[in-house]
Amino acid sequence: MTEPTGSKPLWHGRLGDRPADALMAFTESLTVDRRLAPDDVAGSRAHVRMLGATGILNRDDTERILAALDTVEAELADETFRFEPADEDIHTAVERRVTELAGSSGAKLHTGRSRNDQVATDLRLYVRREGRTLARDLHALQHTLLDRARAAGDAYLPGYTHLQRAQPVLLAHHLLAHVWALARDVDRCRDALARAAVSPLGAGALAGSSLPLDPDVTAHELGFPARFENSLDAVSDRDFVAEILFVCTLTMVHLSRLGEELVLWCTDEFGFAQLADEYATGSSMLPQKKNPDVAELVRGKTGRLIGDLTGLLATLKGLPLAYNRDLQEDKTPLFDALDTSQLAARALRGAIATLHFDTERMQAAADQPDLAATDLAEHLVGQGVPFREAHSAVGALVRSSHDDGVPLTDLVGRDPRLADAVSLLEPGRAAARRTSPGGAGPEPVRAQLDAAQRRLDDEQAWLDT
């Protein structure tokens, strides 16, 4: 019976002394990469089938190793797999257990393979799976925002620039702005996953192999549409990790902006919305509090993901070809970013689906006459007045209203240039007047709702493939 691989490091032949405990404690990655177990088994299974198909392994060895991998997969799934102290990483653990089960046949599992191309393969499989999960979560959040936009009807609220009231916009238009931002995130995810769909298995440590490996077989087995073209690049490339990290980070920036608006809207000062009890928290001291912790944590966790991305880029920027152990540090930020962005999207989706909008409060804030100032200026433009002159004239009226305490409606009614435009200051008029394509009024918003649905249908078609 072959000695279990896990009793000694995989590289024990070159180094005679037992590795120091301090070295093993510092270099082990099993605590982080054990979540790659399903991907490692899948990659190993594809590798063994290729070895059998090319005649590198005989049928008996191939079948024994595949049977052992089936057992390992089952043990991992039902959590009966026993990890050993000498298991340096998930790859070592799987190979050690296969060797225990398959004996001398199991010792042939690593034929023609390095942990360098092995981990690169595992990581790409993981990114392709979890990246698609993120896209599904973002798609679901978009659907919730679209549903709330449809339900909002003609309700309107102030639109803001510099956090100052600017012009009235339909609530549906405001919600749809987040839909389009998330649609770009889904697009970036699709794009990144397409570039991640290249199999590195067969690249070996850095230079391929003298054995008659067939990387196209393993690529096909694992569902990759392509295999690597350059073995040095294949084992050193972590562009796909950086790209999906960027996708996660920018997604969180968008979710953070949405969360910030929930925080503001749920304050008494705004009063535009109220969180459902199941998506709010209380205070340990203040009995009256109803806190938007979900939204605040989305803001807070976004900062950590920005750190994940910059940390990985800093690691990659100084590495020569090909593999360097620094690349072990790619997994912690990757796992954190995907986990966090998925959870954030799900939590915000629930918060938005159950959110109560106070549309009367919104509309009262948007009906402030000042918010129709641009409409007054555009009314003058329609009479042939140059825009800068119109802007100045209306601005002077607004200033007089504020300085003298005279209602803007009165001042507009006394101005011979604007006397016929007083009706523009009536509640709801300004919100209904936005008619340009992509604008915030009822007509363009109806078209936008249809466009958003088409965009989500396209995303769904991709997710279904």
Protein backbone atom coordinates (compact mmCIF):
# COMPACT_ATOMS: atom_id res chain seq x y z
CA MET A 1 0.00 0.00 0.00
CA THR A 2 1.40 3.38 -0.97
CA GLU A 3 2.14 5.71 1.91
CA PRO A 4 -0.56 8.38 2.15
CA THR A 5 0.54 11.57 0.44
CA GLY A 6 -0.58 13.66 3.40
CA SER A 7 2.00 12.12 5.74
CA LYS A 8 4.69 14.14 3.98
CA PRO A 9 4.70 17.33 1.93
CA LEU A 10 4.26 16.85 -1.81
CA TRP A 11 7.79 18.14 -2.24
CA HIS A 12 9.46 15.96 0.42
CA GLY A 13 11.83 14.28 -2.06
CA ARG A 14 13.91 17.43 -2.52
CA LEU A 15 13.96 18.54 1.12
CA GLY A 16 14.90 15.87 3.61
CA ASP A 17 14.04 17.54 6.91
CA ARG A 18 10.50 17.75 8.17
CA PRO A 19 9.13 21.26 7.59
CA ALA A 20 9.06 23.49 10.65
CA ASP A 21 5.74 23.96 12.40
CA ALA A 22 6.09 27.72 12.03
CA LEU A 23 6.55 27.37 8.28
CA MET A 24 3.51 25.12 7.92
CA ALA A 25 1.37 27.39 10.08
CA PHE A 26 2.29 30.41 7.99
CA THR A 27 2.03 28.82 4.55
CA GLU A 28 -1.04 26.60 4.90
CA SER A 29 -4.13 27.73 2.99
CA LEU A 30 -6.60 24.97 3.80
CA THR A 31 -8.54 27.22 6.15
CA VAL A 32 -9.24 29.49 3.18
CA ASP A 33 -9.28 27.31 0.08
CA ARG A 34 -11.27 24.33 1.38
CA ARG A 35 -14.34 25.87 -0.22
CA LEU A 36 -12.72 24.99 -3.56
CA ALA A 37 -13.22 21.30 -2.78
CA PRO A 38 -16.00 20.68 -5.35
CA ASP A 39 -13.94 22.43 -8.01
CA ASP A 40 -10.82 20.48 -7.10
CA VAL A 41 -12.68 17.19 -7.40
CA ALA A 42 -14.17 18.27 -10.73
CA GLY A 43 -10.78 19.31 -12.06
CA SER A 44 -9.15 16.11 -10.84
CA ARG A 45 -11.87 13.99 -12.43
CA ALA A 46 -11.41 15.74 -15.79
CA HIS A 47 -7.63 15.36 -15.53
CA VAL A 48 -7.87 11.63 -14.83
CA ARG A 49 -10.27 11.05 -17.71
CA MET A 50 -7.85 12.84 -20.00
CA LEU A 51 -4.97 10.70 -18.71
CA GLY A 52 -7.05 7.62 -19.46
CA ALA A 53 -8.14 8.85 -22.89
CA THR A 54 -4.54 9.55 -23.93
CA GLY A 55 -3.27 6.20 -22.62
CA ILE A 56 -1.09 7.75 -19.93
CA LEU A 57 -3.14 5.80 -17.38
CA ASN A 58 -4.50 2.34 -18.02
CA ARG A 59 -8.18 1.58 -17.61
CA ASP A 60 -7.79 -0.04 -14.19
CA ASP A 61 -5.92 2.93 -12.70
CA THR A 62 -8.35 5.36 -14.28
CA GLU A 63 -11.41 3.59 -12.89
CA ARG A 64 -9.90 3.24 -9.40
CA ILE A 65 -9.01 6.91 -9.18
CA LEU A 66 -12.40 8.00 -10.50
CA ALA A 67 -14.14 5.77 -7.96
CA ALA A 68 -12.00 7.27 -5.20
CA LEU A 69 -12.87 10.78 -6.38
CA ASP A 70 -16.56 9.85 -6.25
CA THR A 71 -16.08 8.76 -2.64
CA VAL A 72 -14.20 11.95 -1.79
CA GLU A 73 -16.96 14.03 -3.38
CA ALA A 74 -19.58 12.22 -1.30
CA GLU A 75 -17.57 12.62 1.91
CA LEU A 76 -17.13 16.32 1.28
CA ALA A 77 -20.84 16.73 0.55
CA ASP A 78 -22.01 14.97 3.72
CA GLU A 79 -19.18 16.51 5.78
CA THR A 80 -17.62 13.17 6.76
CA PHE A 81 -14.34 14.00 5.00
CA ARG A 82 -11.55 14.03 7.59
CA PHE A 83 -8.90 16.67 7.14
CA GLU A 84 -5.46 15.84 8.52
CA PRO A 85 -2.91 18.14 10.18
CA ALA A 86 -0.53 17.64 7.27
CA ASP A 87 -3.11 18.78 4.70
CA GLU A 88 -1.46 21.93 3.45
CA ASP A 89 -4.33 22.93 1.18
CA ILE A 90 -7.46 21.45 -0.37
CA HIS A 91 -5.44 20.00 -3.25
CA THR A 92 -3.18 18.09 -0.86
CA ALA A 93 -6.18 16.91 1.15
CA VAL A 94 -8.02 15.54 -1.87
CA GLU A 95 -4.96 13.81 -3.29
CA ARG A 96 -4.08 12.32 0.10
CA ARG A 97 -7.57 10.86 0.51
CA VAL A 98 -7.65 9.53 -3.06
CA THR A 99 -4.35 7.77 -2.42
CA GLU A 100 -5.72 6.26 0.78
CA LEU A 101 -8.70 4.91 -1.14
CA ALA A 102 -7.05 3.88 -4.41
CA GLY A 103 -3.58 2.89 -3.22
CA SER A 104 -0.82 2.96 -5.81
CA SER A 105 -3.33 4.02 -8.47
CA GLY A 106 -4.15 7.09 -6.41
CA ALA A 107 -0.49 8.09 -6.40
CA LYS A 108 -0.83 8.59 -10.16
CA LEU A 109 -3.53 11.24 -9.82
CA HIS A 110 -1.06 14.09 -10.11
CA THR A 111 0.61 12.75 -13.25
CA GLY A 112 1.27 15.60 -15.69
CA ARG A 113 -0.22 18.15 -13.35
CA SER A 114 1.10 20.83 -10.98
CA ARG A 115 -0.66 22.59 -8.18
CA ASN A 116 0.01 25.69 -10.27
CA ASP A 117 -2.35 24.74 -13.10
CA GLN A 118 -4.58 22.86 -10.66
CA VAL A 119 -5.36 25.86 -8.45
CA ALA A 120 -5.75 28.13 -11.47
CA THR A 121 -8.35 25.71 -12.81
CA ASP A 122 -10.17 25.42 -9.49
CA LEU A 123 -10.29 29.18 -9.14
CA ARG A 124 -11.68 29.72 -12.62
CA LEU A 125 -14.39 27.13 -11.99
CA TYR A 126 -15.26 28.87 -8.74
CA VAL A 127 -15.36 32.33 -10.31
CA ARG A 128 -17.57 31.14 -13.16
CA ARG A 129 -20.05 29.59 -10.75
CA GLU A 130 -20.15 32.27 -8.07
CA GLY A 131 -19.93 35.13 -10.56
CA ARG A 132 -23.07 33.84 -12.20
CA THR A 133 -24.71 33.61 -8.77
CA LEU A 134 -23.88 37.28 -8.21
CA ALA A 135 -25.41 38.13 -11.59
CA ARG A 136 -28.58 36.26 -10.60
CA ASP A 137 -28.77 38.18 -7.31
CA LEU A 138 -28.35 41.51 -9.11
CA HIS A 139 -30.95 40.48 -11.68
CA ALA A 140 -33.40 39.70 -8.87
CA LEU A 141 -32.73 43.08 -7.25
CA GLN A 142 -33.34 44.80 -10.59
CA HIS A 143 -36.65 42.99 -10.89
CA THR A 144 -37.70 44.20 -7.44
CA LEU A 145 -36.78 47.79 -8.30
CA LEU A 146 -38.66 47.50 -11.60
CA ASP A 147 -41.73 46.12 -9.83
CA ARG A 148 -41.68 48.99 -7.32
CA ALA A 149 -41.23 51.47 -10.18
CA ARG A 150 -44.29 50.12 -11.97
CA ALA A 151 -46.30 50.24 -8.77
CA ALA A 152 -45.25 53.85 -8.07
CA GLY A 153 -47.40 55.16 -10.91
CA ASP A 154 -47.27 58.96 -11.20
CA ALA A 155 -45.92 59.55 -7.68
CA TYR A 156 -43.09 62.05 -7.67
CA LEU A 157 -40.46 63.45 -5.34
CA PRO A 158 -37.66 66.01 -5.47
CA GLY A 159 -34.64 65.09 -7.54
CA TYR A 160 -31.42 66.26 -5.95
CA THR A 161 -28.08 67.67 -6.97
CA HIS A 162 -25.53 68.48 -4.25
CA LEU A 163 -28.20 67.00 -1.92
CA GLN A 164 -30.25 70.14 -2.59
CA ARG A 165 -33.72 69.95 -4.10
CA ALA A 166 -33.41 70.47 -7.85
CA GLN A 167 -36.40 69.36 -9.95
CA PRO A 168 -39.35 67.01 -9.44
CA VAL A 169 -38.89 63.50 -10.85
CA LEU A 170 -41.20 60.53 -10.90
CA LEU A 171 -40.45 58.01 -8.16
CA ALA A 172 -40.40 55.36 -10.89
CA HIS A 173 -37.67 57.30 -12.68
CA HIS A 174 -35.58 57.45 -9.53
CA LEU A 175 -35.90 53.73 -8.89
CA LEU A 176 -35.11 52.91 -12.51
CA ALA A 177 -31.84 54.85 -12.25
CA HIS A 178 -30.63 52.11 -9.92
CA VAL A 179 -31.89 49.42 -12.33
CA TRP A 180 -29.66 50.78 -15.10
CA ALA A 181 -26.61 51.01 -12.85
CA LEU A 182 -27.09 47.39 -11.81
CA ALA A 183 -27.61 46.40 -15.45
CA ARG A 184 -24.11 47.68 -16.18
CA ASP A 185 -22.83 45.56 -13.29
CA VAL A 186 -24.47 42.48 -14.79
CA ASP A 187 -22.92 43.34 -18.16
CA ARG A 188 -19.49 43.65 -16.56
CA CYS A 189 -20.04 40.33 -14.84
CA ARG A 190 -20.92 38.65 -18.14
CA ASP A 191 -17.86 40.15 -19.75
CA ALA A 192 -15.53 39.10 -16.95
CA LEU A 193 -16.91 35.57 -16.87
CA ALA A 194 -16.37 35.22 -20.61
CA ARG A 195 -12.66 35.92 -20.12
CA ALA A 196 -12.52 33.56 -17.14
CA ALA A 197 -13.77 30.73 -19.36
CA VAL A 198 -10.31 29.53 -20.42
CA SER A 199 -8.95 26.26 -19.02
CA PRO A 200 -5.37 26.37 -17.68
CA LEU A 201 -5.26 22.64 -16.93
CA GLY A 202 -2.36 21.04 -18.76
CA ALA A 203 -0.01 23.98 -18.36
CA GLY A 204 1.80 22.12 -15.56
CA ALA A 205 4.07 24.08 -13.28
CA LEU A 206 4.92 26.57 -16.03
CA ALA A 207 6.09 24.79 -19.20
CA GLY A 208 3.58 22.05 -20.00
CA SER A 209 4.74 18.42 -20.00
CA SER A 210 6.70 15.86 -22.00
CA LEU A 211 3.74 13.51 -21.53
CA PRO A 212 1.12 13.43 -24.32
CA LEU A 213 -1.42 15.54 -22.44
CA ASP A 214 -4.51 16.81 -24.23
CA PRO A 215 -5.65 20.09 -22.62
CA ASP A 216 -8.56 20.30 -25.04
CA VAL A 217 -10.06 17.18 -23.47
CA THR A 218 -9.95 18.60 -19.95
CA ALA A 219 -11.29 21.95 -21.17
CA HIS A 220 -14.26 20.20 -22.75
CA GLU A 221 -14.83 18.00 -19.69
CA LEU A 222 -14.99 21.09 -17.46
CA GLY A 223 -17.23 23.14 -19.73
CA PHE A 224 -14.56 25.62 -20.78
CA PRO A 225 -15.03 26.84 -24.36
CA ALA A 226 -11.26 27.31 -24.75
CA ARG A 227 -7.94 26.23 -23.28
CA PHE A 228 -4.80 28.23 -22.64
CA GLU A 229 -2.40 29.18 -25.43
CA ASN A 230 0.68 29.91 -23.30
CA SER A 231 1.60 27.80 -20.28
CA LEU A 232 3.51 30.61 -18.53
CA ASP A 233 0.53 32.91 -18.82
CA ALA A 234 -1.90 30.17 -17.82
CA VAL A 235 -0.43 29.56 -14.36
CA SER A 236 0.40 33.19 -13.56
CA ASP A 237 -2.76 34.86 -14.85
CA ARG A 238 -5.04 36.28 -12.19
CA ASP A 239 -6.64 38.91 -14.39
CA PHE A 240 -9.92 37.07 -14.06
CA VAL A 241 -9.74 37.38 -10.27
CA ALA A 242 -8.97 41.10 -10.47
CA GLU A 243 -11.80 41.60 -12.96
CA ILE A 244 -14.46 39.87 -10.89
CA LEU A 245 -13.16 41.72 -7.83
CA PHE A 246 -13.66 44.98 -9.71
CA VAL A 247 -17.16 43.88 -10.69
CA CYS A 248 -17.97 43.11 -7.05
CA THR A 249 -16.46 46.37 -5.85
CA LEU A 250 -18.23 48.63 -8.32
CA THR A 251 -21.44 46.71 -7.67
CA MET A 252 -21.03 47.44 -3.97
CA VAL A 253 -20.41 51.11 -4.76
CA HIS A 254 -23.77 51.15 -6.55
CA LEU A 255 -25.45 49.27 -3.71
CA SER A 256 -23.86 51.66 -1.23
CA ARG A 257 -25.40 54.61 -3.05
CA LEU A 258 -28.78 52.91 -2.92
CA GLY A 259 -28.23 52.19 0.77
CA GLU A 260 -27.32 55.82 1.45
CA GLU A 261 -30.60 56.93 -0.07
CA LEU A 262 -32.51 54.47 2.10
CA VAL A 263 -30.76 55.87 5.16
CA LEU A 264 -31.69 59.43 4.19
CA TRP A 265 -35.23 58.67 3.08
CA CYS A 266 -36.01 56.83 6.33
CA THR A 267 -34.99 59.75 8.55
CA ASP A 268 -37.67 61.95 10.08
CA GLU A 269 -36.04 64.86 8.29
CA PHE A 270 -36.84 63.34 4.89
CA GLY A 271 -39.68 61.02 5.85
CA PHE A 272 -39.97 59.61 2.34
CA ALA A 273 -39.91 55.94 3.34
CA GLN A 274 -40.10 53.52 6.22
CA LEU A 275 -38.42 50.14 6.47
CA ALA A 276 -40.47 47.08 7.28
CA ASP A 277 -39.81 45.75 10.77
CA GLU A 278 -38.16 42.59 9.43
CA TYR A 279 -35.53 44.69 7.66
CA ALA A 280 -34.84 47.12 10.50
CA THR A 281 -33.09 46.86 13.85
CA GLY A 282 -33.57 48.51 17.21
CA SER A 283 -31.35 50.12 19.79
CA SER A 284 -29.99 48.52 22.94
CA MET A 285 -30.68 51.76 24.84
CA LEU A 286 -33.11 53.93 22.87
CA PRO A 287 -36.57 52.33 22.81
CA GLN A 288 -37.90 54.52 20.00
CA LYS A 289 -35.25 53.67 17.43
CA LYS A 290 -35.80 51.87 14.12
CA ASN A 291 -32.43 51.67 12.46
CA PRO A 292 -31.53 50.99 8.77
CA ASP A 293 -28.61 48.72 9.62
CA VAL A 294 -28.81 46.80 6.35
CA ALA A 295 -28.26 49.97 4.34
CA GLU A 296 -25.53 51.20 6.66
CA LEU A 297 -23.65 47.91 6.53
CA VAL A 298 -23.76 47.94 2.73
CA ARG A 299 -22.02 51.32 2.91
CA GLY A 300 -19.50 50.06 5.44
CA LYS A 301 -18.68 46.78 3.70
CA THR A 302 -18.11 48.60 0.42
CA GLY A 303 -14.97 50.15 1.90
CA ARG A 304 -13.63 46.70 2.70
CA LEU A 305 -14.17 45.51 -0.86
CA ILE A 306 -12.33 48.52 -2.22
CA GLY A 307 -9.47 47.33 0.00
CA ASP A 308 -9.78 43.78 -1.36
CA LEU A 309 -9.40 45.03 -4.92
CA THR A 310 -6.49 47.36 -4.27
CA GLY A 311 -4.76 44.73 -2.15
CA LEU A 312 -4.88 42.15 -4.92
CA LEU A 313 -3.66 44.63 -7.53
CA ALA A 314 -0.77 45.55 -5.26
CA THR A 315 0.12 41.86 -4.96
CA LEU A 316 0.01 41.25 -8.71
CA LYS A 317 1.92 44.32 -9.83
CA GLY A 318 5.35 43.09 -8.72
CA LEU A 319 5.29 39.43 -9.76
CA PRO A 320 7.58 38.06 -12.48
CA LEU A 321 6.49 35.09 -14.59
CA ALA A 322 5.38 32.50 -13.82
CA TYR A 323 3.83 31.24 -10.57
CA ASN A 324 4.79 32.82 -7.24
CA ARG A 325 3.46 31.87 -3.82
CA ASP A 326 2.17 35.42 -3.45
CA LEU A 327 -0.74 34.26 -5.61
CA GLN A 328 -2.02 32.26 -2.66
CA GLU A 329 -3.28 35.61 -1.39
CA ASP A 330 -5.80 35.91 -4.23
CA LYS A 331 -8.44 33.76 -2.55
CA THR A 332 -9.23 35.67 0.64
CA PRO A 333 -10.21 38.90 -1.16
CA LEU A 334 -11.99 36.98 -3.91
CA PHE A 335 -14.12 34.94 -1.54
CA ASP A 336 -14.85 37.98 0.61
CA ALA A 337 -15.89 40.11 -2.36
CA LEU A 338 -18.23 37.52 -3.88
CA ASP A 339 -19.76 36.56 -0.54
CA THR A 340 -20.33 40.16 0.50
CA SER A 341 -21.75 41.45 -2.76
CA GLN A 342 -24.14 38.50 -3.04
CA LEU A 343 -25.40 38.95 0.53
CA ALA A 344 -25.71 42.71 0.11
CA ALA A 345 -27.79 42.35 -3.04
CA ARG A 346 -30.13 39.88 -1.32
CA ALA A 347 -30.53 41.98 1.81
CA LEU A 348 -31.23 45.18 -0.12
CA ARG A 349 -33.69 43.36 -2.33
CA GLY A 350 -35.70 42.34 0.71
CA ALA A 351 -35.52 45.82 2.20
CA ILE A 352 -36.75 47.46 -1.01
CA ALA A 353 -39.46 44.89 -1.66
CA THR A 354 -40.99 45.60 1.76
CA LEU A 355 -40.27 49.34 1.91
CA HIS A 356 -43.20 51.70 2.51
CA PHE A 357 -43.06 54.90 0.47
CA ASP A 358 -44.72 58.02 1.89
CA THR A 359 -45.64 59.49 -1.49
CA GLU A 360 -47.63 62.36 0.05
CA ARG A 361 -44.52 63.50 1.92
CA MET A 362 -42.45 63.12 -1.25
CA GLN A 363 -44.88 65.13 -3.35
CA ALA A 364 -45.23 67.87 -0.77
CA ALA A 365 -41.46 68.33 -0.82
CA ALA A 366 -41.42 68.36 -4.63
CA ASP A 367 -44.24 70.91 -4.90
CA GLN A 368 -42.07 73.73 -3.52
CA PRO A 369 -42.39 76.47 -6.18
CA ASP A 370 -38.62 76.92 -6.45
CA LEU A 371 -38.36 73.48 -8.05
CA ALA A 372 -40.25 74.79 -11.10
CA ALA A 373 -37.67 77.53 -11.70
CA THR A 374 -36.20 75.71 -14.68
CA ASP A 375 -39.66 75.38 -16.19
CA LEU A 376 -40.11 79.13 -15.92
CA ALA A 377 -36.77 79.72 -17.64
CA GLU A 378 -37.68 77.26 -20.40
CA HIS A 379 -41.02 79.04 -20.81
CA LEU A 380 -39.10 82.23 -21.58
CA VAL A 381 -36.83 80.32 -23.96
CA GLY A 382 -39.96 79.26 -25.79
CA GLN A 383 -40.72 82.96 -26.29
CA GLY A 384 -37.34 83.54 -27.88
CA VAL A 385 -35.44 84.73 -24.79
CA PRO A 386 -31.81 83.51 -24.71
CA PHE A 387 -31.40 80.86 -22.01
CA ARG A 388 -28.77 82.79 -20.01
CA GLU A 389 -31.05 85.82 -19.91
CA ALA A 390 -34.01 83.67 -18.90
CA HIS A 391 -31.91 81.94 -16.24
CA SER A 392 -30.88 85.30 -14.78
CA ALA A 393 -34.41 86.69 -14.77
CA VAL A 394 -35.92 83.70 -12.97
CA GLY A 395 -32.98 83.52 -10.57
CA ALA A 396 -33.59 87.15 -9.61
CA LEU A 397 -37.24 86.37 -8.85
CA VAL A 398 -36.26 83.42 -6.66
CA ARG A 399 -33.75 85.60 -4.81
CA SER A 400 -36.39 88.31 -4.23
CA SER A 401 -38.84 85.71 -2.98
CA HIS A 402 -36.33 84.43 -0.42
CA ASP A 403 -35.00 87.87 0.60
CA ASP A 404 -38.34 89.64 0.85
CA GLY A 405 -40.49 86.75 2.04
CA VAL A 406 -42.86 87.10 -0.91
CA PRO A 407 -44.24 83.88 -2.42
CA LEU A 408 -42.65 83.10 -5.77
CA THR A 409 -46.13 82.59 -7.24
CA ASP A 410 -46.98 86.23 -6.48
CA LEU A 411 -43.77 87.52 -8.03
CA VAL A 412 -44.24 85.44 -11.17
CA GLY A 413 -47.82 86.64 -11.53
CA ARG A 414 -46.65 90.28 -11.42
CA ASP A 415 -43.92 89.77 -14.02
CA PRO A 416 -45.31 90.62 -17.49
CA ARG A 417 -42.93 88.12 -19.11
CA LEU A 418 -44.21 85.27 -16.93
CA ALA A 419 -47.78 86.17 -16.04
CA ASP A 420 -49.10 83.43 -18.32
CA ALA A 421 -46.75 80.87 -16.72
CA VAL A 422 -48.06 80.96 -13.15
CA SER A 423 -49.78 77.62 -13.72
CA LEU A 424 -46.34 76.00 -14.04
CA LEU A 425 -45.97 76.41 -10.28
CA GLU A 426 -49.07 74.36 -9.51
CA PRO A 427 -48.47 71.08 -7.66
CA GLY A 428 -47.50 68.27 -9.97
CA ARG A 429 -47.14 70.38 -13.12
CA ALA A 430 -43.34 70.41 -13.23
CA ALA A 431 -43.11 66.64 -12.72
CA ALA A 432 -45.42 66.05 -15.67
CA ARG A 433 -43.56 68.38 -18.05
CA ARG A 434 -40.40 66.31 -18.49
CA THR A 435 -40.95 64.93 -21.98
CA SER A 436 -37.47 64.47 -23.48
CA PRO A 437 -36.32 60.86 -24.11
CA GLY A 438 -34.89 59.29 -20.97
CA GLY A 439 -36.36 62.09 -18.88
CA ALA A 440 -38.24 61.99 -15.59
CA GLY A 441 -41.79 62.65 -16.77
CA PRO A 442 -44.65 60.18 -17.31
CA GLU A 443 -44.27 59.67 -21.06
CA PRO A 444 -40.53 58.92 -21.18
CA VAL A 445 -40.78 56.86 -18.00
CA ARG A 446 -43.41 54.62 -19.60
CA ALA A 447 -40.97 54.00 -22.46
CA GLN A 448 -38.19 53.42 -19.96
CA LEU A 449 -40.19 50.80 -18.09
CA ASP A 450 -40.53 48.85 -21.33
CA ALA A 451 -36.82 49.25 -22.09
CA ALA A 452 -35.89 48.05 -18.61
CA GLN A 453 -38.06 44.98 -19.01
CA ARG A 454 -36.36 44.17 -22.32
CA ARG A 455 -32.98 44.54 -20.65
CA LEU A 456 -34.00 42.15 -17.87
CA ASP A 457 -35.36 39.68 -20.42
CA ASP A 458 -31.97 39.69 -22.14
CA GLU A 459 -30.22 39.08 -18.82
CA GLN A 460 -32.59 36.22 -18.05
CA ALA A 461 -31.87 34.60 -21.39
CA TRP A 462 -28.15 34.68 -20.59
CA LEU A 463 -28.70 33.32 -17.07
CA ASP A 464 -30.75 30.46 -18.51
CA THR A 465 -27.93 29.29 -20.79
